[in-house]
Amino acid sequence: SRVVVCAERALELPAMLLGVWRAGGTYVPVDPGYPAARIAHVLSDADPDAVLVNTRMDFDVEVPVLHVDDVPERAGEPVEGDAAYVIYTSGSTGRPKGVVVEHRQVLRLFAATERWFGFDATD
């Protein structure tokens, strides 16, 4: 499931992303400061199952828009080959292009930076 995370930078933002992953979803980050046309394009192109926000914004979508304070608890187990997130590049044509990043690539990032940051199984 793809979940658009449209959130202002705040303490709960990393928890929102981890929550999407923990539930087995793929997050699609959207900065609420983006122009409305860019947000609309990402929402249309990403075809999300839900939108998760930490700010009160109006979205013209046919999927649930959930505020971080209103989301019920739910657990899931992601697999290395599952999509972790979709990041939108600037695109060579001027239209943003979604690039899928899998959990295995996130795990490789943590493994590669483990000695610098001291990550372990409790992180």
C-alpha atoms as a PDB file:
ATOM      1  CA  SER A   1       0.000   0.000   0.000  1.00  0.00           C
ATOM      2  CA  ARG A   2       1.298   3.447  -0.879  1.00  0.00           C
ATOM      3  CA  VAL A   3       0.754   6.162   1.699  1.00  0.00           C
ATOM      4  CA  VAL A   4       1.408   9.795   0.857  1.00  0.00           C
ATOM      5  CA  VAL A   5       2.992  11.477   3.882  1.00  0.00           C
ATOM      6  CA  CYS A   6       2.332  15.197   3.568  1.00  0.00           C
ATOM      7  CA  ALA A   7       3.799  16.625   6.724  1.00  0.00           C
ATOM      8  CA  GLU A   8       5.510  19.687   8.049  1.00  0.00           C
ATOM      9  CA  ARG A   9       8.918  19.036   9.578  1.00  0.00           C
ATOM     10  CA  ALA A  10       8.174  18.066  13.158  1.00  0.00           C
ATOM     11  CA  LEU A  11       9.208  15.624  15.836  1.00  0.00           C
ATOM     12  CA  GLU A  12       6.591  13.066  14.760  1.00  0.00           C
ATOM     13  CA  LEU A  13       7.691  12.981  11.084  1.00  0.00           C
ATOM     14  CA  PRO A  14      10.218  10.111  11.473  1.00  0.00           C
ATOM     15  CA  ALA A  15       7.635   8.180  13.499  1.00  0.00           C
ATOM     16  CA  MET A  16       5.108   8.672  10.690  1.00  0.00           C
ATOM     17  CA  LEU A  17       7.527   7.191   8.139  1.00  0.00           C
ATOM     18  CA  LEU A  18       8.482   4.307  10.415  1.00  0.00           C
ATOM     19  CA  GLY A  19       4.791   3.694  11.123  1.00  0.00           C
ATOM     20  CA  VAL A  20       4.031   3.364   7.413  1.00  0.00           C
ATOM     21  CA  TRP A  21       6.912   0.890   7.053  1.00  0.00           C
ATOM     22  CA  ARG A  22       5.931  -1.045  10.182  1.00  0.00           C
ATOM     23  CA  ALA A  23       2.444  -1.463   8.758  1.00  0.00           C
ATOM     24  CA  GLY A  24       3.996  -2.903   5.587  1.00  0.00           C
ATOM     25  CA  GLY A  25       3.365   0.192   3.476  1.00  0.00           C
ATOM     26  CA  THR A  26       5.381   2.345   1.115  1.00  0.00           C
ATOM     27  CA  TYR A  27       5.635   6.029   1.931  1.00  0.00           C
ATOM     28  CA  VAL A  28       5.559   8.795  -0.654  1.00  0.00           C
ATOM     29  CA  PRO A  29       6.899  12.048   0.837  1.00  0.00           C
ATOM     30  CA  VAL A  30       5.170  15.279  -0.166  1.00  0.00           C
ATOM     31  CA  ASP A  31       6.242  18.635   1.238  1.00  0.00           C
ATOM     32  CA  PRO A  32       3.131  20.670   2.148  1.00  0.00           C
ATOM     33  CA  GLY A  33       5.023  23.718   0.868  1.00  0.00           C
ATOM     34  CA  TYR A  34       5.041  22.359  -2.696  1.00  0.00           C
ATOM     35  CA  PRO A  35       2.909  24.208  -5.248  1.00  0.00           C
ATOM     36  CA  ALA A  36      -0.645  22.828  -5.467  1.00  0.00           C
ATOM     37  CA  ALA A  37      -0.056  21.564  -9.031  1.00  0.00           C
ATOM     38  CA  ARG A  38       2.947  19.477  -7.932  1.00  0.00           C
ATOM     39  CA  ILE A  39       1.037  18.006  -4.983  1.00  0.00           C
ATOM     40  CA  ALA A  40      -1.881  17.165  -7.291  1.00  0.00           C
ATOM     41  CA  HIS A  41       0.480  15.487  -9.786  1.00  0.00           C
ATOM     42  CA  VAL A  42       2.154  13.360  -7.102  1.00  0.00           C
ATOM     43  CA  LEU A  43      -1.222  12.359  -5.637  1.00  0.00           C
ATOM     44  CA  SER A  44      -2.476  11.340  -9.075  1.00  0.00           C
ATOM     45  CA  ASP A  45       0.703   9.576 -10.184  1.00  0.00           C
ATOM     46  CA  ALA A  46       1.427   7.753  -6.913  1.00  0.00           C
ATOM     47  CA  ASP A  47      -2.135   6.397  -6.684  1.00  0.00           C
ATOM     48  CA  PRO A  48      -1.970   6.162  -2.863  1.00  0.00           C
ATOM     49  CA  ASP A  49      -4.204   4.067  -0.632  1.00  0.00           C
ATOM     50  CA  ALA A  50      -4.169   6.809   2.008  1.00  0.00           C
ATOM     51  CA  VAL A  51      -2.749  10.232   2.823  1.00  0.00           C
ATOM     52  CA  LEU A  52      -1.143  10.763   6.237  1.00  0.00           C
ATOM     53  CA  VAL A  53      -0.757  14.346   7.477  1.00  0.00           C
ATOM     54  CA  ASN A  54       0.362  16.212  10.571  1.00  0.00           C
ATOM     55  CA  THR A  55      -1.261  19.450   9.498  1.00  0.00           C
ATOM     56  CA  ARG A  56      -4.811  20.312   8.563  1.00  0.00           C
ATOM     57  CA  MET A  57      -4.849  20.490   4.767  1.00  0.00           C
ATOM     58  CA  ASP A  58      -7.591  19.822   2.267  1.00  0.00           C
ATOM     59  CA  PHE A  59      -6.980  17.150  -0.353  1.00  0.00           C
ATOM     60  CA  ASP A  60      -9.191  16.349  -3.323  1.00  0.00           C
ATOM     61  CA  VAL A  61      -8.629  12.584  -3.211  1.00  0.00           C
ATOM     62  CA  GLU A  62     -10.847   9.521  -3.063  1.00  0.00           C
ATOM     63  CA  VAL A  63      -8.747   7.803  -0.381  1.00  0.00           C
ATOM     64  CA  PRO A  64      -8.712   8.303   3.382  1.00  0.00           C
ATOM     65  CA  VAL A  65      -6.844  11.369   4.639  1.00  0.00           C
ATOM     66  CA  LEU A  66      -5.610  10.550   8.139  1.00  0.00           C
ATOM     67  CA  HIS A  67      -4.213  12.994  10.666  1.00  0.00           C
ATOM     68  CA  VAL A  68      -1.304  11.512  12.622  1.00  0.00           C
ATOM     69  CA  ASP A  69      -3.188  12.024  15.894  1.00  0.00           C
ATOM     70  CA  ASP A  70      -6.195  10.062  14.585  1.00  0.00           C
ATOM     71  CA  VAL A  71      -4.478   6.900  13.237  1.00  0.00           C
ATOM     72  CA  PRO A  72      -5.259   3.642  15.076  1.00  0.00           C
ATOM     73  CA  GLU A  73      -2.443   1.252  16.010  1.00  0.00           C
ATOM     74  CA  ARG A  74      -1.708  -1.570  13.570  1.00  0.00           C
ATOM     75  CA  ALA A  75       1.290  -3.825  13.043  1.00  0.00           C
ATOM     76  CA  GLY A  76       2.750  -5.427   9.927  1.00  0.00           C
ATOM     77  CA  GLU A  77       6.013  -7.005   8.874  1.00  0.00           C
ATOM     78  CA  PRO A  78       7.802  -5.557   5.836  1.00  0.00           C
ATOM     79  CA  VAL A  79       9.996  -7.811   3.683  1.00  0.00           C
ATOM     80  CA  GLU A  80      13.334  -6.711   2.150  1.00  0.00           C
ATOM     81  CA  GLY A  81      11.921  -6.734  -1.387  1.00  0.00           C
ATOM     82  CA  ASP A  82       8.890  -4.622  -0.450  1.00  0.00           C
ATOM     83  CA  ALA A  83       8.866  -0.989  -1.462  1.00  0.00           C
ATOM     84  CA  ALA A  84       9.873   1.269   1.438  1.00  0.00           C
ATOM     85  CA  TYR A  85       9.174   4.610  -0.188  1.00  0.00           C
ATOM     86  CA  VAL A  86       8.680   6.419  -3.476  1.00  0.00           C
ATOM     87  CA  ILE A  87      10.693   9.612  -3.880  1.00  0.00           C
ATOM     88  CA  TYR A  88       9.832  12.107  -6.594  1.00  0.00           C
ATOM     89  CA  THR A  89      12.768  13.492  -8.577  1.00  0.00           C
ATOM     90  CA  SER A  90      12.700  16.756 -10.459  1.00  0.00           C
ATOM     91  CA  GLY A  91      12.464  14.764 -13.685  1.00  0.00           C
ATOM     92  CA  SER A  92      14.358  15.536 -16.895  1.00  0.00           C
ATOM     93  CA  THR A  93      11.106  16.567 -18.600  1.00  0.00           C
ATOM     94  CA  GLY A  94      10.134  18.987 -15.848  1.00  0.00           C
ATOM     95  CA  ARG A  95       7.472  16.615 -14.509  1.00  0.00           C
ATOM     96  CA  PRO A  96       8.358  14.846 -11.262  1.00  0.00           C
ATOM     97  CA  LYS A  97       9.063  11.129 -11.653  1.00  0.00           C
ATOM     98  CA  GLY A  98       8.484   8.598  -8.864  1.00  0.00           C
ATOM     99  CA  VAL A  99      11.421   6.290  -8.044  1.00  0.00           C
ATOM    100  CA  VAL A 100      10.702   3.227  -5.875  1.00  0.00           C
ATOM    101  CA  VAL A 101      13.227   2.434  -3.115  1.00  0.00           C
ATOM    102  CA  GLU A 102      12.990  -1.015  -1.491  1.00  0.00           C
ATOM    103  CA  HIS A 103      13.497  -1.907   2.169  1.00  0.00           C
ATOM    104  CA  ARG A 104      16.699  -3.776   1.229  1.00  0.00           C
ATOM    105  CA  GLN A 105      18.192  -0.484   0.038  1.00  0.00           C
ATOM    106  CA  VAL A 106      17.263   1.222   3.317  1.00  0.00           C
ATOM    107  CA  LEU A 107      18.855  -1.683   5.200  1.00  0.00           C
ATOM    108  CA  ARG A 108      22.026  -1.320   3.104  1.00  0.00           C
ATOM    109  CA  LEU A 109      22.160   2.376   3.986  1.00  0.00           C
ATOM    110  CA  PHE A 110      21.969   1.554   7.695  1.00  0.00           C
ATOM    111  CA  ALA A 111      24.609  -1.181   7.312  1.00  0.00           C
ATOM    112  CA  ALA A 112      26.943   1.158   5.419  1.00  0.00           C
ATOM    113  CA  THR A 113      26.659   3.908   8.042  1.00  0.00           C
ATOM    114  CA  GLU A 114      26.503   1.654  11.128  1.00  0.00           C
ATOM    115  CA  ARG A 115      30.090   2.283  12.245  1.00  0.00           C
ATOM    116  CA  TRP A 116      29.642   6.062  12.025  1.00  0.00           C
ATOM    117  CA  PHE A 117      26.335   6.236  13.866  1.00  0.00           C
ATOM    118  CA  GLY A 118      26.509   3.146  16.080  1.00  0.00           C
ATOM    119  CA  PHE A 119      23.234   1.578  14.901  1.00  0.00           C
ATOM    120  CA  ASP A 120      22.279  -1.751  16.434  1.00  0.00           C
ATOM    121  CA  ALA A 121      19.312  -4.128  16.611  1.00  0.00           C
ATOM    122  CA  THR A 122      17.476  -1.805  19.015  1.00  0.00           C
ATOM    123  CA  ASP A 123      17.278   1.042  16.463  1.00  0.00           C
END
